[in-house]
mmCIF file of all heavy atoms, coordinates in Angstrom:
data_MODEL
# 
_entry.id   MODEL 
# 
loop_
_atom_site.group_PDB 
_atom_site.id 
_atom_site.type_symbol 
_atom_site.label_atom_id 
_atom_site.label_alt_id 
_atom_site.label_comp_id 
_atom_site.label_asym_id 
_atom_site.label_entity_id 
_atom_site.label_seq_id 
_atom_site.pdbx_PDB_ins_code 
_atom_site.Cartn_x 
_atom_site.Cartn_y 
_atom_site.Cartn_z 
_atom_site.occupancy 
_atom_site.B_iso_or_equiv 
_atom_site.pdbx_formal_charge 
_atom_site.auth_seq_id 
_atom_site.auth_comp_id 
_atom_site.auth_asym_id 
_atom_site.auth_atom_id 
_atom_site.pdbx_PDB_model_num 
ATOM 1   N N   . PHE A 1 1  ? 111.380 91.323  102.560 1.00 0.00 ? 1  PHE A N   1 
ATOM 2   C CA  . PHE A 1 1  ? 112.333 90.864  103.566 1.00 0.00 ? 1  PHE A CA  1 
ATOM 3   C C   . PHE A 1 1  ? 113.642 90.511  102.867 1.00 0.00 ? 1  PHE A C   1 
ATOM 4   O O   . PHE A 1 1  ? 113.640 89.941  101.775 1.00 0.00 ? 1  PHE A O   1 
ATOM 5   C CB  . PHE A 1 1  ? 111.790 89.644  104.299 1.00 0.00 ? 1  PHE A CB  1 
ATOM 6   C CG  . PHE A 1 1  ? 110.593 89.944  105.147 1.00 0.00 ? 1  PHE A CG  1 
ATOM 7   C CD1 . PHE A 1 1  ? 109.314 89.780  104.642 1.00 0.00 ? 1  PHE A CD1 1 
ATOM 8   C CD2 . PHE A 1 1  ? 110.735 90.400  106.444 1.00 0.00 ? 1  PHE A CD2 1 
ATOM 9   C CE1 . PHE A 1 1  ? 108.195 90.057  105.418 1.00 0.00 ? 1  PHE A CE1 1 
ATOM 10  C CE2 . PHE A 1 1  ? 109.623 90.682  107.233 1.00 0.00 ? 1  PHE A CE2 1 
ATOM 11  C CZ  . PHE A 1 1  ? 108.357 90.513  106.710 1.00 0.00 ? 1  PHE A CZ  1 
ATOM 12  N N   . SER A 1 2  ? 114.754 90.823  103.512 1.00 0.00 ? 2  SER A N   1 
ATOM 13  C CA  . SER A 1 2  ? 116.060 90.594  102.897 1.00 0.00 ? 2  SER A CA  1 
ATOM 14  C C   . SER A 1 2  ? 116.360 89.108  102.706 1.00 0.00 ? 2  SER A C   1 
ATOM 15  O O   . SER A 1 2  ? 117.154 88.760  101.844 1.00 0.00 ? 2  SER A O   1 
ATOM 16  C CB  . SER A 1 2  ? 117.166 91.238  103.725 1.00 0.00 ? 2  SER A CB  1 
ATOM 17  O OG  . SER A 1 2  ? 117.237 90.643  105.007 1.00 0.00 ? 2  SER A OG  1 
ATOM 18  N N   . ASP A 1 3  ? 115.714 88.234  103.475 1.00 0.00 ? 3  ASP A N   1 
ATOM 19  C CA  . ASP A 1 3  ? 116.058 86.814  103.415 1.00 0.00 ? 3  ASP A CA  1 
ATOM 20  C C   . ASP A 1 3  ? 115.039 85.946  102.666 1.00 0.00 ? 3  ASP A C   1 
ATOM 21  O O   . ASP A 1 3  ? 115.227 84.741  102.568 1.00 0.00 ? 3  ASP A O   1 
ATOM 22  C CB  . ASP A 1 3  ? 116.261 86.268  104.830 1.00 0.00 ? 3  ASP A CB  1 
ATOM 23  C CG  . ASP A 1 3  ? 115.009 86.341  105.668 1.00 0.00 ? 3  ASP A CG  1 
ATOM 24  O OD1 . ASP A 1 3  ? 114.131 87.165  105.357 1.00 0.00 ? 3  ASP A OD1 1 
ATOM 25  O OD2 . ASP A 1 3  ? 114.898 85.565  106.628 1.00 0.00 ? 3  ASP A OD2 1 
ATOM 26  N N   . THR A 1 4  ? 113.959 86.534  102.130 1.00 0.00 ? 4  THR A N   1 
ATOM 27  C CA  . THR A 1 4  ? 112.976 85.748  101.388 1.00 0.00 ? 4  THR A CA  1 
ATOM 28  C C   . THR A 1 4  ? 112.191 86.640  100.434 1.00 0.00 ? 4  THR A C   1 
ATOM 29  O O   . THR A 1 4  ? 112.031 87.833  100.692 1.00 0.00 ? 4  THR A O   1 
ATOM 30  C CB  . THR A 1 4  ? 111.989 85.024  102.332 1.00 0.00 ? 4  THR A CB  1 
ATOM 31  O OG1 . THR A 1 4  ? 111.096 84.229  101.545 1.00 0.00 ? 4  THR A OG1 1 
ATOM 32  C CG2 . THR A 1 4  ? 111.184 85.996  103.168 1.00 0.00 ? 4  THR A CG2 1 
ATOM 33  N N   . GLU A 1 5  ? 111.729 86.045  99.357  1.00 0.00 ? 5  GLU A N   1 
ATOM 34  C CA  . GLU A 1 5  ? 110.857 86.765  98.424  1.00 0.00 ? 5  GLU A CA  1 
ATOM 35  C C   . GLU A 1 5  ? 109.422 86.284  98.552  1.00 0.00 ? 5  GLU A C   1 
ATOM 36  O O   . GLU A 1 5  ? 108.558 86.689  97.781  1.00 0.00 ? 5  GLU A O   1 
ATOM 37  C CB  . GLU A 1 5  ? 111.360 86.578  96.989  1.00 0.00 ? 5  GLU A CB  1 
ATOM 38  C CG  . GLU A 1 5  ? 112.700 87.252  96.751  1.00 0.00 ? 5  GLU A CG  1 
ATOM 39  C CD  . GLU A 1 5  ? 113.137 87.190  95.304  1.00 0.00 ? 5  GLU A CD  1 
ATOM 40  O OE1 . GLU A 1 5  ? 112.303 86.872  94.440  1.00 0.00 ? 5  GLU A OE1 1 
ATOM 41  O OE2 . GLU A 1 5  ? 114.308 87.462  95.046  1.00 0.00 ? 5  GLU A OE2 1 
ATOM 42  N N   . ASP A 1 6  ? 109.160 85.421  99.520  1.00 0.00 ? 6  ASP A N   1 
ATOM 43  C CA  . ASP A 1 6  ? 107.840 84.814  99.674  1.00 0.00 ? 6  ASP A CA  1 
ATOM 44  C C   . ASP A 1 6  ? 106.840 85.685  100.420 1.00 0.00 ? 6  ASP A C   1 
ATOM 45  O O   . ASP A 1 6  ? 105.645 85.503  100.274 1.00 0.00 ? 6  ASP A O   1 
ATOM 46  C CB  . ASP A 1 6  ? 107.947 83.468  100.397 1.00 0.00 ? 6  ASP A CB  1 
ATOM 47  C CG  . ASP A 1 6  ? 108.659 82.426  99.552  1.00 0.00 ? 6  ASP A CG  1 
ATOM 48  O OD1 . ASP A 1 6  ? 108.696 82.593  98.316  1.00 0.00 ? 6  ASP A OD1 1 
ATOM 49  O OD2 . ASP A 1 6  ? 109.181 81.463  100.122 1.00 0.00 ? 6  ASP A OD2 1 
ATOM 50  N N   . ASP A 1 7  ? 107.316 86.596  101.228 1.00 0.00 ? 7  ASP A N   1 
ATOM 51  C CA  . ASP A 1 7  ? 106.430 87.408  102.061 1.00 0.00 ? 7  ASP A CA  1 
ATOM 52  C C   . ASP A 1 7  ? 106.734 88.892  101.893 1.00 0.00 ? 7  ASP A C   1 
ATOM 53  O O   . ASP A 1 7  ? 107.843 89.278  101.547 1.00 0.00 ? 7  ASP A O   1 
ATOM 54  C CB  . ASP A 1 7  ? 106.588 87.042  103.546 1.00 0.00 ? 7  ASP A CB  1 
ATOM 55  C CG  . ASP A 1 7  ? 106.296 85.581  103.814 1.00 0.00 ? 7  ASP A CG  1 
ATOM 56  O OD1 . ASP A 1 7  ? 105.300 85.073  103.273 1.00 0.00 ? 7  ASP A OD1 1 
ATOM 57  O OD2 . ASP A 1 7  ? 107.071 84.959  104.552 1.00 0.00 ? 7  ASP A OD2 1 
ATOM 58  N N   . ARG A 1 8  ? 105.724 89.707  102.180 1.00 0.00 ? 8  ARG A N   1 
ATOM 59  C CA  . ARG A 1 8  ? 105.853 91.156  102.181 1.00 0.00 ? 8  ARG A CA  1 
ATOM 60  C C   . ARG A 1 8  ? 105.192 91.690  103.440 1.00 0.00 ? 8  ARG A C   1 
ATOM 61  O O   . ARG A 1 8  ? 104.263 91.090  103.965 1.00 0.00 ? 8  ARG A O   1 
ATOM 62  C CB  . ARG A 1 8  ? 105.160 91.791  100.960 1.00 0.00 ? 8  ARG A CB  1 
ATOM 63  C CG  . ARG A 1 8  ? 105.660 91.321  99.621  1.00 0.00 ? 8  ARG A CG  1 
ATOM 64  C CD  . ARG A 1 8  ? 106.999 91.959  99.314  1.00 0.00 ? 8  ARG A CD  1 
ATOM 65  N NE  . ARG A 1 8  ? 107.456 91.649  97.977  1.00 0.00 ? 8  ARG A NE  1 
ATOM 66  C CZ  . ARG A 1 8  ? 108.366 90.720  97.699  1.00 0.00 ? 8  ARG A CZ  1 
ATOM 67  N NH1 . ARG A 1 8  ? 108.877 89.992  98.661  1.00 0.00 ? 8  ARG A NH1 1 
ATOM 68  N NH2 . ARG A 1 8  ? 108.755 90.516  96.469  1.00 0.00 ? 8  ARG A NH2 1 
ATOM 69  N N   . LEU A 1 9  ? 105.652 92.819  103.921 1.00 0.00 ? 9  LEU A N   1 
ATOM 70  C CA  . LEU A 1 9  ? 105.033 93.504  105.043 1.00 0.00 ? 9  LEU A CA  1 
ATOM 71  C C   . LEU A 1 9  ? 104.461 94.808  104.497 1.00 0.00 ? 9  LEU A C   1 
ATOM 72  O O   . LEU A 1 9  ? 105.185 95.579  103.863 1.00 0.00 ? 9  LEU A O   1 
ATOM 73  C CB  . LEU A 1 9  ? 106.063 93.782  106.136 1.00 0.00 ? 9  LEU A CB  1 
ATOM 74  C CG  . LEU A 1 9  ? 105.481 94.386  107.410 1.00 0.00 ? 9  LEU A CG  1 
ATOM 75  C CD1 . LEU A 1 9  ? 106.152 93.778  108.624 1.00 0.00 ? 9  LEU A CD1 1 
ATOM 76  C CD2 . LEU A 1 9  ? 105.635 95.877  107.420 1.00 0.00 ? 9  LEU A CD2 1 
ATOM 77  N N   . GLN A 1 10 ? 103.173 95.020  104.709 1.00 0.00 ? 10 GLN A N   1 
ATOM 78  C CA  . GLN A 1 10 ? 102.513 96.220  104.196 1.00 0.00 ? 10 GLN A CA  1 
ATOM 79  C C   . GLN A 1 10 ? 101.946 97.022  105.354 1.00 0.00 ? 10 GLN A C   1 
ATOM 80  O O   . GLN A 1 10 ? 101.151 96.511  106.154 1.00 0.00 ? 10 GLN A O   1 
ATOM 81  C CB  . GLN A 1 10 ? 101.391 95.840  103.243 1.00 0.00 ? 10 GLN A CB  1 
ATOM 82  C CG  . GLN A 1 10 ? 100.715 97.037  102.626 1.00 0.00 ? 10 GLN A CG  1 
ATOM 83  C CD  . GLN A 1 10 ? 99.711  96.638  101.571 1.00 0.00 ? 10 GLN A CD  1 
ATOM 84  O OE1 . GLN A 1 10 ? 99.220  95.519  101.552 1.00 0.00 ? 10 GLN A OE1 1 
ATOM 85  N NE2 . GLN A 1 10 ? 99.411  97.549  100.682 1.00 0.00 ? 10 GLN A NE2 1 
ATOM 86  N N   . PHE A 1 11 ? 102.381 98.280  105.463 1.00 0.00 ? 11 PHE A N   1 
ATOM 87  C CA  . PHE A 1 11 ? 101.820 99.165  106.474 1.00 0.00 ? 11 PHE A CA  1 
ATOM 88  C C   . PHE A 1 11 ? 100.437 99.609  106.035 1.00 0.00 ? 11 PHE A C   1 
ATOM 89  O O   . PHE A 1 11 ? 100.185 99.824  104.850 1.00 0.00 ? 11 PHE A O   1 
ATOM 90  C CB  . PHE A 1 11 ? 102.721 100.384 106.701 1.00 0.00 ? 11 PHE A CB  1 
ATOM 91  C CG  . PHE A 1 11 ? 104.010 100.039 107.389 1.00 0.00 ? 11 PHE A CG  1 
ATOM 92  C CD1 . PHE A 1 11 ? 105.203 100.007 106.697 1.00 0.00 ? 11 PHE A CD1 1 
ATOM 93  C CD2 . PHE A 1 11 ? 104.019 99.731  108.738 1.00 0.00 ? 11 PHE A CD2 1 
ATOM 94  C CE1 . PHE A 1 11 ? 106.390 99.681  107.332 1.00 0.00 ? 11 PHE A CE1 1 
ATOM 95  C CE2 . PHE A 1 11 ? 105.193 99.399  109.387 1.00 0.00 ? 11 PHE A CE2 1 
ATOM 96  C CZ  . PHE A 1 11 ? 106.384 99.375  108.679 1.00 0.00 ? 11 PHE A CZ  1 
ATOM 97  N N   . VAL A 1 12 ? 99.527  99.748  106.989 1.00 0.00 ? 12 VAL A N   1 
ATOM 98  C CA  . VAL A 1 12 ? 98.142  100.150 106.724 1.00 0.00 ? 12 VAL A CA  1 
ATOM 99  C C   . VAL A 1 12 ? 97.942  101.536 107.319 1.00 0.00 ? 12 VAL A C   1 
ATOM 100 O O   . VAL A 1 12 ? 98.320  101.792 108.462 1.00 0.00 ? 12 VAL A O   1 
ATOM 101 C CB  . VAL A 1 12 ? 97.162  99.137  107.349 1.00 0.00 ? 12 VAL A CB  1 
ATOM 102 C CG1 . VAL A 1 12 ? 95.726  99.567  107.140 1.00 0.00 ? 12 VAL A CG1 1 
ATOM 103 C CG2 . VAL A 1 12 ? 97.397  97.745  106.771 1.00 0.00 ? 12 VAL A CG2 1 
ATOM 104 N N   . ARG A 1 13 ? 97.360  102.426 106.527 1.00 0.00 ? 13 ARG A N   1 
ATOM 105 C CA  . ARG A 1 13 ? 97.125  103.802 106.965 1.00 0.00 ? 13 ARG A CA  1 
ATOM 106 C C   . ARG A 1 13 ? 95.629  104.076 107.078 1.00 0.00 ? 13 ARG A C   1 
ATOM 107 O O   . ARG A 1 13 ? 94.826  103.498 106.357 1.00 0.00 ? 13 ARG A O   1 
ATOM 108 C CB  . ARG A 1 13 ? 97.736  104.790 105.974 1.00 0.00 ? 13 ARG A CB  1 
ATOM 109 C CG  . ARG A 1 13 ? 99.239  104.708 105.910 1.00 0.00 ? 13 ARG A CG  1 
ATOM 110 C CD  . ARG A 1 13 ? 99.795  105.715 104.905 1.00 0.00 ? 13 ARG A CD  1 
ATOM 111 N NE  . ARG A 1 13 ? 101.226 105.592 104.776 1.00 0.00 ? 13 ARG A NE  1 
ATOM 112 C CZ  . ARG A 1 13 ? 102.116 106.254 105.505 1.00 0.00 ? 13 ARG A CZ  1 
ATOM 113 N NH1 . ARG A 1 13 ? 101.721 107.100 106.426 1.00 0.00 ? 13 ARG A NH1 1 
ATOM 114 N NH2 . ARG A 1 13 ? 103.402 106.084 105.318 1.00 0.00 ? 13 ARG A NH2 1 
ATOM 115 N N   . ASN A 1 14 ? 95.276  105.008 107.978 1.00 0.00 ? 14 ASN A N   1 
ATOM 116 C CA  . ASN A 1 14 ? 93.881  105.443 108.084 1.00 0.00 ? 14 ASN A CA  1 
ATOM 117 C C   . ASN A 1 14 ? 93.625  106.584 107.102 1.00 0.00 ? 14 ASN A C   1 
ATOM 118 O O   . ASN A 1 14 ? 94.501  106.936 106.308 1.00 0.00 ? 14 ASN A O   1 
ATOM 119 C CB  . ASN A 1 14 ? 93.512  105.823 109.527 1.00 0.00 ? 14 ASN A CB  1 
ATOM 120 C CG  . ASN A 1 14 ? 94.298  107.013 110.041 1.00 0.00 ? 14 ASN A CG  1 
ATOM 121 O OD1 . ASN A 1 14 ? 94.915  107.769 109.281 1.00 0.00 ? 14 ASN A OD1 1 
ATOM 122 N ND2 . ASN A 1 14 ? 94.283  107.204 111.357 1.00 0.00 ? 14 ASN A ND2 1 
ATOM 123 N N   . ASP A 1 15 ? 92.436  107.162 107.157 1.00 0.00 ? 15 ASP A N   1 
ATOM 124 C CA  . ASP A 1 15 ? 92.055  108.218 106.212 1.00 0.00 ? 15 ASP A CA  1 
ATOM 125 C C   . ASP A 1 15 ? 92.915  109.477 106.323 1.00 0.00 ? 15 ASP A C   1 
ATOM 126 O O   . ASP A 1 15 ? 93.008  110.249 105.368 1.00 0.00 ? 15 ASP A O   1 
ATOM 127 C CB  . ASP A 1 15 ? 90.583  108.603 106.407 1.00 0.00 ? 15 ASP A CB  1 
ATOM 128 C CG  . ASP A 1 15 ? 89.656  107.478 106.002 1.00 0.00 ? 15 ASP A CG  1 
ATOM 129 O OD1 . ASP A 1 15 ? 90.079  106.606 105.208 1.00 0.00 ? 15 ASP A OD1 1 
ATOM 130 O OD2 . ASP A 1 15 ? 88.503  107.457 106.474 1.00 0.00 ? 15 ASP A OD2 1 
ATOM 131 N N   . THR A 1 16 ? 93.544  109.690 107.478 1.00 0.00 ? 16 THR A N   1 
ATOM 132 C CA  . THR A 1 16 ? 94.395  110.871 107.646 1.00 0.00 ? 16 THR A CA  1 
ATOM 133 C C   . THR A 1 16 ? 95.862  110.589 107.339 1.00 0.00 ? 16 THR A C   1 
ATOM 134 O O   . THR A 1 16 ? 96.701  111.466 107.454 1.00 0.00 ? 16 THR A O   1 
ATOM 135 C CB  . THR A 1 16 ? 94.272  111.450 109.072 1.00 0.00 ? 16 THR A CB  1 
ATOM 136 O OG1 . THR A 1 16 ? 94.713  110.458 110.007 1.00 0.00 ? 16 THR A OG1 1 
ATOM 137 C CG2 . THR A 1 16 ? 92.843  111.871 109.375 1.00 0.00 ? 16 THR A CG2 1 
ATOM 138 N N   . GLY A 1 17 ? 96.172  109.349 106.967 1.00 0.00 ? 17 GLY A N   1 
ATOM 139 C CA  . GLY A 1 17 ? 97.535  108.993 106.592 1.00 0.00 ? 17 GLY A CA  1 
ATOM 140 C C   . GLY A 1 17 ? 98.392  108.428 107.705 1.00 0.00 ? 17 GLY A C   1 
ATOM 141 O O   . GLY A 1 17 ? 99.551  108.088 107.482 1.00 0.00 ? 17 GLY A O   1 
ATOM 142 N N   . ASP A 1 18 ? 97.827  108.318 108.917 1.00 0.00 ? 18 ASP A N   1 
ATOM 143 C CA  . ASP A 1 18 ? 98.584  107.747 110.032 1.00 0.00 ? 18 ASP A CA  1 
ATOM 144 C C   . ASP A 1 18 ? 98.652  106.224 109.883 1.00 0.00 ? 18 ASP A C   1 
ATOM 145 O O   . ASP A 1 18 ? 97.674  105.573 109.513 1.00 0.00 ? 18 ASP A O   1 
ATOM 146 C CB  . ASP A 1 18 ? 97.914  108.074 111.365 1.00 0.00 ? 18 ASP A CB  1 
ATOM 147 C CG  . ASP A 1 18 ? 97.904  109.561 111.667 1.00 0.00 ? 18 ASP A CG  1 
ATOM 148 O OD1 . ASP A 1 18 ? 98.873  110.244 111.292 1.00 0.00 ? 18 ASP A OD1 1 
ATOM 149 O OD2 . ASP A 1 18 ? 96.911  110.034 112.252 1.00 0.00 ? 18 ASP A OD2 1 
ATOM 150 N N   . ILE A 1 19 ? 99.793  105.651 110.207 1.00 0.00 ? 19 ILE A N   1 
ATOM 151 C CA  . ILE A 1 19 ? 99.925  104.195 110.181 1.00 0.00 ? 19 ILE A CA  1 
ATOM 152 C C   . ILE A 1 19 ? 99.183  103.619 111.380 1.00 0.00 ? 19 ILE A C   1 
ATOM 153 O O   . ILE A 1 19 ? 99.419  104.010 112.523 1.00 0.00 ? 19 ILE A O   1 
ATOM 154 C CB  . ILE A 1 19 ? 101.399 103.781 110.183 1.00 0.00 ? 19 ILE A CB  1 
ATOM 155 C CG1 . ILE A 1 19 ? 102.047 104.211 108.872 1.00 0.00 ? 19 ILE A CG1 1 
ATOM 156 C CG2 . ILE A 1 19 ? 101.544 102.276 110.390 1.00 0.00 ? 19 ILE A CG2 1 
ATOM 157 C CD1 . ILE A 1 19 ? 103.525 103.968 108.788 1.00 0.00 ? 19 ILE A CD1 1 
ATOM 158 N N   . THR A 1 20 ? 98.277  102.692 111.102 1.00 0.00 ? 20 THR A N   1 
ATOM 159 C CA  . THR A 1 20 ? 97.455  102.088 112.157 1.00 0.00 ? 20 THR A CA  1 
ATOM 160 C C   . THR A 1 20 ? 97.800  100.629 112.401 1.00 0.00 ? 20 THR A C   1 
ATOM 161 O O   . THR A 1 20 ? 97.299  100.023 113.340 1.00 0.00 ? 20 THR A O   1 
ATOM 162 C CB  . THR A 1 20 ? 95.967  102.190 111.799 1.00 0.00 ? 20 THR A CB  1 
ATOM 163 O OG1 . THR A 1 20 ? 95.738  101.532 110.549 1.00 0.00 ? 20 THR A OG1 1 
ATOM 164 C CG2 . THR A 1 20 ? 95.533  103.638 111.708 1.00 0.00 ? 20 THR A CG2 1 
ATOM 165 N N   . GLY A 1 21 ? 98.645  100.064 111.560 1.00 0.00 ? 21 GLY A N   1 
ATOM 166 C CA  . GLY A 1 21 ? 99.023  98.668  111.724 1.00 0.00 ? 21 GLY A CA  1 
ATOM 167 C C   . GLY A 1 21 ? 99.761  98.175  110.498 1.00 0.00 ? 21 GLY A C   1 
ATOM 168 O O   . GLY A 1 21 ? 100.209 98.962  109.669 1.00 0.00 ? 21 GLY A O   1 
ATOM 169 N N   . PHE A 1 22 ? 99.859  96.861  110.399 1.00 0.00 ? 22 PHE A N   1 
ATOM 170 C CA  . PHE A 1 22 ? 100.494 96.262  109.232 1.00 0.00 ? 22 PHE A CA  1 
ATOM 171 C C   . PHE A 1 22 ? 99.845  94.916  108.959 1.00 0.00 ? 22 PHE A C   1 
ATOM 172 O O   . PHE A 1 22 ? 99.125  94.369  109.792 1.00 0.00 ? 22 PHE A O   1 
ATOM 173 C CB  . PHE A 1 22 ? 102.004 96.110  109.432 1.00 0.00 ? 22 PHE A CB  1 
ATOM 174 C CG  . PHE A 1 22 ? 102.383 95.044  110.437 1.00 0.00 ? 22 PHE A CG  1 
ATOM 175 C CD1 . PHE A 1 22 ? 102.598 93.745  110.032 1.00 0.00 ? 22 PHE A CD1 1 
ATOM 176 C CD2 . PHE A 1 22 ? 102.518 95.356  111.772 1.00 0.00 ? 22 PHE A CD2 1 
ATOM 177 C CE1 . PHE A 1 22 ? 102.938 92.762  110.950 1.00 0.00 ? 22 PHE A CE1 1 
ATOM 178 C CE2 . PHE A 1 22 ? 102.861 94.391  112.705 1.00 0.00 ? 22 PHE A CE2 1 
ATOM 179 C CZ  . PHE A 1 22 ? 103.072 93.085  112.291 1.00 0.00 ? 22 PHE A CZ  1 
ATOM 180 N N   . GLN A 1 23 ? 100.114 94.409  107.778 1.00 0.00 ? 23 GLN A N   1 
ATOM 181 C CA  . GLN A 1 23 ? 99.666  93.067  107.451 1.00 0.00 ? 23 GLN A CA  1 
ATOM 182 C C   . GLN A 1 23 ? 100.777 92.355  106.697 1.00 0.00 ? 23 GLN A C   1 
ATOM 183 O O   . GLN A 1 23 ? 101.564 92.979  105.991 1.00 0.00 ? 23 GLN A O   1 
ATOM 184 C CB  . GLN A 1 23 ? 98.382  93.091  106.635 1.00 0.00 ? 23 GLN A CB  1 
ATOM 185 C CG  . GLN A 1 23 ? 98.441  93.888  105.372 1.00 0.00 ? 23 GLN A CG  1 
ATOM 186 C CD  . GLN A 1 23 ? 97.064  94.059  104.751 1.00 0.00 ? 23 GLN A CD  1 
ATOM 187 O OE1 . GLN A 1 23 ? 96.049  93.707  105.323 1.00 0.00 ? 23 GLN A OE1 1 
ATOM 188 N NE2 . GLN A 1 23 ? 97.029  94.603  103.561 1.00 0.00 ? 23 GLN A NE2 1 
ATOM 189 N N   . LEU A 1 24 ? 100.857 91.046  106.904 1.00 0.00 ? 24 LEU A N   1 
ATOM 190 C CA  . LEU A 1 24 ? 101.798 90.233  106.162 1.00 0.00 ? 24 LEU A CA  1 
ATOM 191 C C   . LEU A 1 24 ? 101.082 89.725  104.916 1.00 0.00 ? 24 LEU A C   1 
ATOM 192 O O   . LEU A 1 24 ? 99.976  89.187  105.007 1.00 0.00 ? 24 LEU A O   1 
ATOM 193 C CB  . LEU A 1 24 ? 102.280 89.058  106.999 1.00 0.00 ? 24 LEU A CB  1 
ATOM 194 C CG  . LEU A 1 24 ? 103.205 89.413  108.143 1.00 0.00 ? 24 LEU A CG  1 
ATOM 195 C CD1 . LEU A 1 24 ? 103.536 88.172  108.958 1.00 0.00 ? 24 LEU A CD1 1 
ATOM 196 C CD2 . LEU A 1 24 ? 104.480 90.046  107.622 1.00 0.00 ? 24 LEU A CD2 1 
# 
């Protein structure tokens, strides 16, 4: 995030490479 170094957003992919969600 541009305003903090404390958190990250990670996209989660399924076995075929499609994004199925994210996690903080």
